[in-house]
Amino acid sequence: MRLRQLRKSRGISQLKLAIDLSTNQNTISRYETGEREADYKTLIELADYFNVSIDYLLERTDNPEMNK
C-alpha cells in the first residue's frame, strides 16, 4: 500500500494521521509495514483523506485520480 509514500509526501506524521482518522499510531504503522490490512471502511477513509482512489492506495494503478 502506498500509505507511507502519501503520508511522507504531505509531511504528515503517523501520529497526526492516526489522530485525524480516530485510530492509533500502531495501527498506521502496521498498515505501512504490511503487518495489518485495512478494512473497507478504513480504505475509504484513507482514500478520502489523501484525495486518491482506493486502487491507487492499493497500487493497482499509478493514476491517483478518483472516479466519482
PDB file of N, CA and C in Angstrom:
ATOM      1  N   MET A   1       0.845  -1.176   0.000  1.00  0.00           N
ATOM      2  CA  MET A   1       0.000   0.000   0.000  1.00  0.00           C
ATOM      3  C   MET A   1       0.891   1.240   0.000  1.00  0.00           C
ATOM      4  N   ARG A   2       0.437   2.260  -0.670  1.00  0.00           N
ATOM      5  CA  ARG A   2       1.196   3.499  -0.804  1.00  0.00           C
ATOM      6  C   ARG A   2       1.019   4.448   0.365  1.00  0.00           C
ATOM      7  N   LEU A   3       0.521   3.986   1.443  1.00  0.00           N
ATOM      8  CA  LEU A   3       0.203   4.861   2.568  1.00  0.00           C
ATOM      9  C   LEU A   3       1.420   5.642   3.039  1.00  0.00           C
ATOM     10  N   ARG A   4       2.532   4.992   3.276  1.00  0.00           N
ATOM     11  CA  ARG A   4       3.734   5.677   3.768  1.00  0.00           C
ATOM     12  C   ARG A   4       4.174   6.762   2.792  1.00  0.00           C
ATOM     13  N   GLN A   5       4.188   6.428   1.512  1.00  0.00           N
ATOM     14  CA  GLN A   5       4.598   7.382   0.485  1.00  0.00           C
ATOM     15  C   GLN A   5       3.684   8.615   0.489  1.00  0.00           C
ATOM     16  N   LEU A   6       2.390   8.405   0.534  1.00  0.00           N
ATOM     17  CA  LEU A   6       1.436   9.525   0.552  1.00  0.00           C
ATOM     18  C   LEU A   6       1.609  10.367   1.806  1.00  0.00           C
ATOM     19  N   ARG A   7       1.725   9.704   2.919  1.00  0.00           N
ATOM     20  CA  ARG A   7       1.852  10.405   4.198  1.00  0.00           C
ATOM     21  C   ARG A   7       3.111  11.260   4.220  1.00  0.00           C
ATOM     22  N   LYS A   8       4.236  10.682   3.834  1.00  0.00           N
ATOM     23  CA  LYS A   8       5.506  11.409   3.864  1.00  0.00           C
ATOM     24  C   LYS A   8       5.531  12.544   2.846  1.00  0.00           C
ATOM     25  N   SER A   9       4.960  12.331   1.677  1.00  0.00           N
ATOM     26  CA  SER A   9       4.965  13.380   0.648  1.00  0.00           C
ATOM     27  C   SER A   9       4.166  14.607   1.072  1.00  0.00           C
ATOM     28  N   ARG A  10       3.253  14.406   2.007  1.00  0.00           N
ATOM     29  CA  ARG A  10       2.452  15.527   2.510  1.00  0.00           C
ATOM     30  C   ARG A  10       2.939  16.032   3.872  1.00  0.00           C
ATOM     31  N   GLY A  11       4.029  15.447   4.354  1.00  0.00           N
ATOM     32  CA  GLY A  11       4.618  15.897   5.611  1.00  0.00           C
ATOM     33  C   GLY A  11       3.765  15.605   6.832  1.00  0.00           C
ATOM     34  N   ILE A  12       3.044  14.497   6.801  1.00  0.00           N
ATOM     35  CA  ILE A  12       2.144  14.122   7.891  1.00  0.00           C
ATOM     36  C   ILE A  12       2.787  12.988   8.694  1.00  0.00           C
ATOM     37  N   SER A  13       2.804  13.133   9.992  1.00  0.00           N
ATOM     38  CA  SER A  13       3.351  12.072  10.841  1.00  0.00           C
ATOM     39  C   SER A  13       2.322  10.952  11.007  1.00  0.00           C
ATOM     40  N   GLN A  14       2.810   9.791  11.419  1.00  0.00           N
ATOM     41  CA  GLN A  14       1.887   8.691  11.717  1.00  0.00           C
ATOM     42  C   GLN A  14       0.911   9.097  12.813  1.00  0.00           C
ATOM     43  N   LEU A  15       1.402   9.812  13.791  1.00  0.00           N
ATOM     44  CA  LEU A  15       0.545  10.229  14.899  1.00  0.00           C
ATOM     45  C   LEU A  15      -0.553  11.172  14.431  1.00  0.00           C
ATOM     46  N   LYS A  16      -0.214  12.152  13.590  1.00  0.00           N
ATOM     47  CA  LYS A  16      -1.225  13.092  13.084  1.00  0.00           C
ATOM     48  C   LYS A  16      -2.281  12.347  12.274  1.00  0.00           C
ATOM     49  N   LEU A  17      -1.832  11.452  11.406  1.00  0.00           N
ATOM     50  CA  LEU A  17      -2.771  10.676  10.600  1.00  0.00           C
ATOM     51  C   LEU A  17      -3.676   9.838  11.500  1.00  0.00           C
ATOM     52  N   ALA A  18      -3.091   9.214  12.490  1.00  0.00           N
ATOM     53  CA  ALA A  18      -3.872   8.395  13.422  1.00  0.00           C
ATOM     54  C   ALA A  18      -4.923   9.236  14.138  1.00  0.00           C
ATOM     55  N   ILE A  19      -4.536  10.404  14.598  1.00  0.00           N
ATOM     56  CA  ILE A  19      -5.486  11.293  15.289  1.00  0.00           C
ATOM     57  C   ILE A  19      -6.593  11.723  14.335  1.00  0.00           C
ATOM     58  N   ASP A  20      -6.219  12.112  13.120  1.00  0.00           N
ATOM     59  CA  ASP A  20      -7.211  12.562  12.138  1.00  0.00           C
ATOM     60  C   ASP A  20      -8.204  11.462  11.765  1.00  0.00           C
ATOM     61  N   LEU A  21      -7.752  10.206  11.819  1.00  0.00           N
ATOM     62  CA  LEU A  21      -8.623   9.082  11.454  1.00  0.00           C
ATOM     63  C   LEU A  21      -9.219   8.373  12.672  1.00  0.00           C
ATOM     64  N   SER A  22      -8.983   8.937  13.842  1.00  0.00           N
ATOM     65  CA  SER A  22      -9.507   8.367  15.097  1.00  0.00           C
ATOM     66  C   SER A  22      -9.056   6.926  15.306  1.00  0.00           C
ATOM     67  N   THR A  23      -7.774   6.704  15.105  1.00  0.00           N
ATOM     68  CA  THR A  23      -7.187   5.394  15.354  1.00  0.00           C
ATOM     69  C   THR A  23      -5.893   5.620  16.138  1.00  0.00           C
ATOM     70  N   ASN A  24      -5.038   4.616  16.226  1.00  0.00           N
ATOM     71  CA  ASN A  24      -3.790   4.832  16.951  1.00  0.00           C
ATOM     72  C   ASN A  24      -2.585   4.678  16.017  1.00  0.00           C
ATOM     73  N   GLN A  25      -1.462   5.193  16.468  1.00  0.00           N
ATOM     74  CA  GLN A  25      -0.252   5.213  15.660  1.00  0.00           C
ATOM     75  C   GLN A  25       0.224   3.807  15.304  1.00  0.00           C
ATOM     76  N   ASN A  26       0.077   2.855  16.210  1.00  0.00           N
ATOM     77  CA  ASN A  26       0.495   1.486  15.930  1.00  0.00           C
ATOM     78  C   ASN A  26      -0.272   0.895  14.749  1.00  0.00           C
ATOM     79  N   THR A  27      -1.541   1.224  14.644  1.00  0.00           N
ATOM     80  CA  THR A  27      -2.345   0.732  13.525  1.00  0.00           C
ATOM     81  C   THR A  27      -1.817   1.279  12.212  1.00  0.00           C
ATOM     82  N   ILE A  28      -1.524   2.569  12.178  1.00  0.00           N
ATOM     83  CA  ILE A  28      -0.982   3.185  10.960  1.00  0.00           C
ATOM     84  C   ILE A  28       0.352   2.529  10.607  1.00  0.00           C
ATOM     85  N   SER A  29       1.201   2.330  11.599  1.00  0.00           N
ATOM     86  CA  SER A  29       2.494   1.698  11.377  1.00  0.00           C
ATOM     87  C   SER A  29       2.318   0.296  10.792  1.00  0.00           C
ATOM     88  N   ARG A  30       1.382  -0.448  11.320  1.00  0.00           N
ATOM     89  CA  ARG A  30       1.148  -1.821  10.826  1.00  0.00           C
ATOM     90  C   ARG A  30       0.602  -1.824   9.405  1.00  0.00           C
ATOM     91  N   TYR A  31      -0.235  -0.840   9.060  1.00  0.00           N
ATOM     92  CA  TYR A  31      -0.692  -0.723   7.674  1.00  0.00           C
ATOM     93  C   TYR A  31       0.494  -0.478   6.758  1.00  0.00           C
ATOM     94  N   GLU A  32       1.392   0.397   7.191  1.00  0.00           N
ATOM     95  CA  GLU A  32       2.533   0.766   6.350  1.00  0.00           C
ATOM     96  C   GLU A  32       3.526  -0.377   6.183  1.00  0.00           C
ATOM     97  N   THR A  33       3.684  -1.210   7.178  1.00  0.00           N
ATOM     98  CA  THR A  33       4.633  -2.319   7.081  1.00  0.00           C
ATOM     99  C   THR A  33       4.004  -3.588   6.511  1.00  0.00           C
ATOM    100  N   GLY A  34       2.694  -3.581   6.346  1.00  0.00           N
ATOM    101  CA  GLY A  34       2.011  -4.748   5.814  1.00  0.00           C
ATOM    102  C   GLY A  34       1.663  -5.786   6.866  1.00  0.00           C
ATOM    103  N   GLU A  35       1.897  -5.468   8.128  1.00  0.00           N
ATOM    104  CA  GLU A  35       1.545  -6.401   9.200  1.00  0.00           C
ATOM    105  C   GLU A  35       0.042  -6.516   9.387  1.00  0.00           C
ATOM    106  N   ARG A  36      -0.668  -5.505   8.928  1.00  0.00           N
ATOM    107  CA  ARG A  36      -2.121  -5.471   9.073  1.00  0.00           C
ATOM    108  C   ARG A  36      -2.712  -4.877   7.808  1.00  0.00           C
ATOM    109  N   GLU A  37      -3.877  -5.378   7.403  1.00  0.00           N
ATOM    110  CA  GLU A  37      -4.560  -4.843   6.231  1.00  0.00           C
ATOM    111  C   GLU A  37      -5.758  -4.014   6.666  1.00  0.00           C
ATOM    112  N   ALA A  38      -5.947  -2.908   5.989  1.00  0.00           N
ATOM    113  CA  ALA A  38      -7.069  -2.024   6.294  1.00  0.00           C
ATOM    114  C   ALA A  38      -8.372  -2.654   5.802  1.00  0.00           C
ATOM    115  N   ASP A  39      -9.440  -2.462   6.568  1.00  0.00           N
ATOM    116  CA  ASP A  39     -10.757  -2.929   6.129  1.00  0.00           C
ATOM    117  C   ASP A  39     -11.333  -1.925   5.122  1.00  0.00           C
ATOM    118  N   TYR A  40     -12.505  -2.253   4.562  1.00  0.00           N
ATOM    119  CA  TYR A  40     -13.114  -1.395   3.545  1.00  0.00           C
ATOM    120  C   TYR A  40     -13.351   0.022   4.046  1.00  0.00           C
ATOM    121  N   LYS A  41     -13.873   0.147   5.229  1.00  0.00           N
ATOM    122  CA  LYS A  41     -14.171   1.463   5.797  1.00  0.00           C
ATOM    123  C   LYS A  41     -12.896   2.295   5.916  1.00  0.00           C
ATOM    124  N   THR A  42     -11.835   1.685   6.382  1.00  0.00           N
ATOM    125  CA  THR A  42     -10.564   2.392   6.547  1.00  0.00           C
ATOM    126  C   THR A  42      -9.964   2.761   5.201  1.00  0.00           C
ATOM    127  N   LEU A  43     -10.059   1.873   4.221  1.00  0.00           N
ATOM    128  CA  LEU A  43      -9.563   2.196   2.884  1.00  0.00           C
ATOM    129  C   LEU A  43     -10.275   3.415   2.316  1.00  0.00           C
ATOM    130  N   ILE A  44     -11.568   3.484   2.513  1.00  0.00           N
ATOM    131  CA  ILE A  44     -12.340   4.635   2.045  1.00  0.00           C
ATOM    132  C   ILE A  44     -11.894   5.897   2.780  1.00  0.00           C
ATOM    133  N   GLU A  45     -11.722   5.797   4.088  1.00  0.00           N
ATOM    134  CA  GLU A  45     -11.272   6.957   4.871  1.00  0.00           C
ATOM    135  C   GLU A  45      -9.893   7.430   4.413  1.00  0.00           C
ATOM    136  N   LEU A  46      -8.983   6.502   4.181  1.00  0.00           N
ATOM    137  CA  LEU A  46      -7.643   6.867   3.726  1.00  0.00           C
ATOM    138  C   LEU A  46      -7.674   7.498   2.335  1.00  0.00           C
ATOM    139  N   ALA A  47      -8.446   6.915   1.435  1.00  0.00           N
ATOM    140  CA  ALA A  47      -8.556   7.461   0.080  1.00  0.00           C
ATOM    141  C   ALA A  47      -9.146   8.872   0.122  1.00  0.00           C
ATOM    142  N   ASP A  48     -10.182   9.066   0.927  1.00  0.00           N
ATOM    143  CA  ASP A  48     -10.781  10.400   1.058  1.00  0.00           C
ATOM    144  C   ASP A  48      -9.809  11.379   1.698  1.00  0.00           C
ATOM    145  N   TYR A  49      -9.093  10.933   2.705  1.00  0.00           N
ATOM    146  CA  TYR A  49      -8.145  11.789   3.417  1.00  0.00           C
ATOM    147  C   TYR A  49      -7.064  12.324   2.467  1.00  0.00           C
ATOM    148  N   PHE A  50      -6.533  11.440   1.619  1.00  0.00           N
ATOM    149  CA  PHE A  50      -5.467  11.830   0.703  1.00  0.00           C
ATOM    150  C   PHE A  50      -5.987  12.232  -0.678  1.00  0.00           C
ATOM    151  N   ASN A  51      -7.292  12.167  -0.864  1.00  0.00           N
ATOM    152  CA  ASN A  51      -7.936  12.525  -2.129  1.00  0.00           C
ATOM    153  C   ASN A  51      -7.364  11.717  -3.301  1.00  0.00           C
ATOM    154  N   VAL A  52      -7.284  10.420  -3.099  1.00  0.00           N
ATOM    155  CA  VAL A  52      -6.822   9.491  -4.132  1.00  0.00           C
ATOM    156  C   VAL A  52      -7.813   8.332  -4.221  1.00  0.00           C
ATOM    157  N   SER A  53      -7.676   7.538  -5.257  1.00  0.00           N
ATOM    158  CA  SER A  53      -8.554   6.369  -5.389  1.00  0.00           C
ATOM    159  C   SER A  53      -8.037   5.227  -4.512  1.00  0.00           C
ATOM    160  N   ILE A  54      -8.934   4.325  -4.185  1.00  0.00           N
ATOM    161  CA  ILE A  54      -8.535   3.136  -3.431  1.00  0.00           C
ATOM    162  C   ILE A  54      -7.585   2.289  -4.272  1.00  0.00           C
ATOM    163  N   ASP A  55      -7.823   2.215  -5.564  1.00  0.00           N
ATOM    164  CA  ASP A  55      -6.912   1.465  -6.440  1.00  0.00           C
ATOM    165  C   ASP A  55      -5.502   2.046  -6.384  1.00  0.00           C
ATOM    166  N   TYR A  56      -5.375   3.359  -6.300  1.00  0.00           N
ATOM    167  CA  TYR A  56      -4.061   3.979  -6.177  1.00  0.00           C
ATOM    168  C   TYR A  56      -3.417   3.599  -4.842  1.00  0.00           C
ATOM    169  N   LEU A  57      -4.196   3.657  -3.782  1.00  0.00           N
ATOM    170  CA  LEU A  57      -3.694   3.268  -2.461  1.00  0.00           C
ATOM    171  C   LEU A  57      -3.162   1.841  -2.472  1.00  0.00           C
ATOM    172  N   LEU A  58      -3.871   0.956  -3.141  1.00  0.00           N
ATOM    173  CA  LEU A  58      -3.524  -0.462  -3.170  1.00  0.00           C
ATOM    174  C   LEU A  58      -2.545  -0.821  -4.285  1.00  0.00           C
ATOM    175  N   GLU A  59      -2.023   0.210  -4.969  1.00  0.00           N
ATOM    176  CA  GLU A  59      -1.033   0.044  -6.037  1.00  0.00           C
ATOM    177  C   GLU A  59      -1.565  -0.751  -7.222  1.00  0.00           C
ATOM    178  N   ARG A  60      -2.851  -0.624  -7.474  1.00  0.00           N
ATOM    179  CA  ARG A  60      -3.443  -1.292  -8.642  1.00  0.00           C
ATOM    180  C   ARG A  60      -3.378  -0.394  -9.864  1.00  0.00           C
ATOM    181  N   THR A  61      -3.095   0.901  -9.642  1.00  0.00           N
ATOM    182  CA  THR A  61      -2.942   1.863 -10.718  1.00  0.00           C
ATOM    183  C   THR A  61      -1.947   2.921 -10.273  1.00  0.00           C
ATOM    184  N   ASP A  62      -1.363   3.591 -11.256  1.00  0.00           N
ATOM    185  CA  ASP A  62      -0.471   4.700 -10.943  1.00  0.00           C
ATOM    186  C   ASP A  62      -1.192   6.037 -11.072  1.00  0.00           C
ATOM    187  N   ASN A  63      -2.470   5.990 -11.384  1.00  0.00           N
ATOM    188  CA  ASN A  63      -3.293   7.197 -11.525  1.00  0.00           C
ATOM    189  C   ASN A  63      -3.997   7.454 -10.193  1.00  0.00           C
ATOM    190  N   PRO A  64      -3.643   8.540  -9.491  1.00  0.00           N
ATOM    191  CA  PRO A  64      -4.249   8.792  -8.185  1.00  0.00           C
ATOM    192  C   PRO A  64      -5.661   9.358  -8.230  1.00  0.00           C
ATOM    193  N   GLU A  65      -6.142   9.739  -9.429  1.00  0.00           N
ATOM    194  CA  GLU A  65      -7.448  10.389  -9.529  1.00  0.00           C
ATOM    195  C   GLU A  65      -8.580   9.436  -9.173  1.00  0.00           C
ATOM    196  N   MET A  66      -9.561  10.015  -8.491  1.00  0.00           N
ATOM    197  CA  MET A  66     -10.747   9.246  -8.108  1.00  0.00           C
ATOM    198  C   MET A  66     -11.792   9.382  -9.206  1.00  0.00           C
ATOM    199  N   ASN A  67     -12.497   8.308  -9.490  1.00  0.00           N
ATOM    200  CA  ASN A  67     -13.614   8.340 -10.439  1.00  0.00           C
ATOM    201  C   ASN A  67     -14.905   8.420  -9.644  1.00  0.00           C
ATOM    202  N   LYS A  68     -15.524   9.572  -9.692  1.00  0.00           N
ATOM    203  CA  LYS A  68     -16.782   9.742  -8.951  1.00  0.00           C
ATOM    204  C   LYS A  68     -17.931   9.880  -9.890  1.00  0.00           C
TER     205      LYS A  68
END
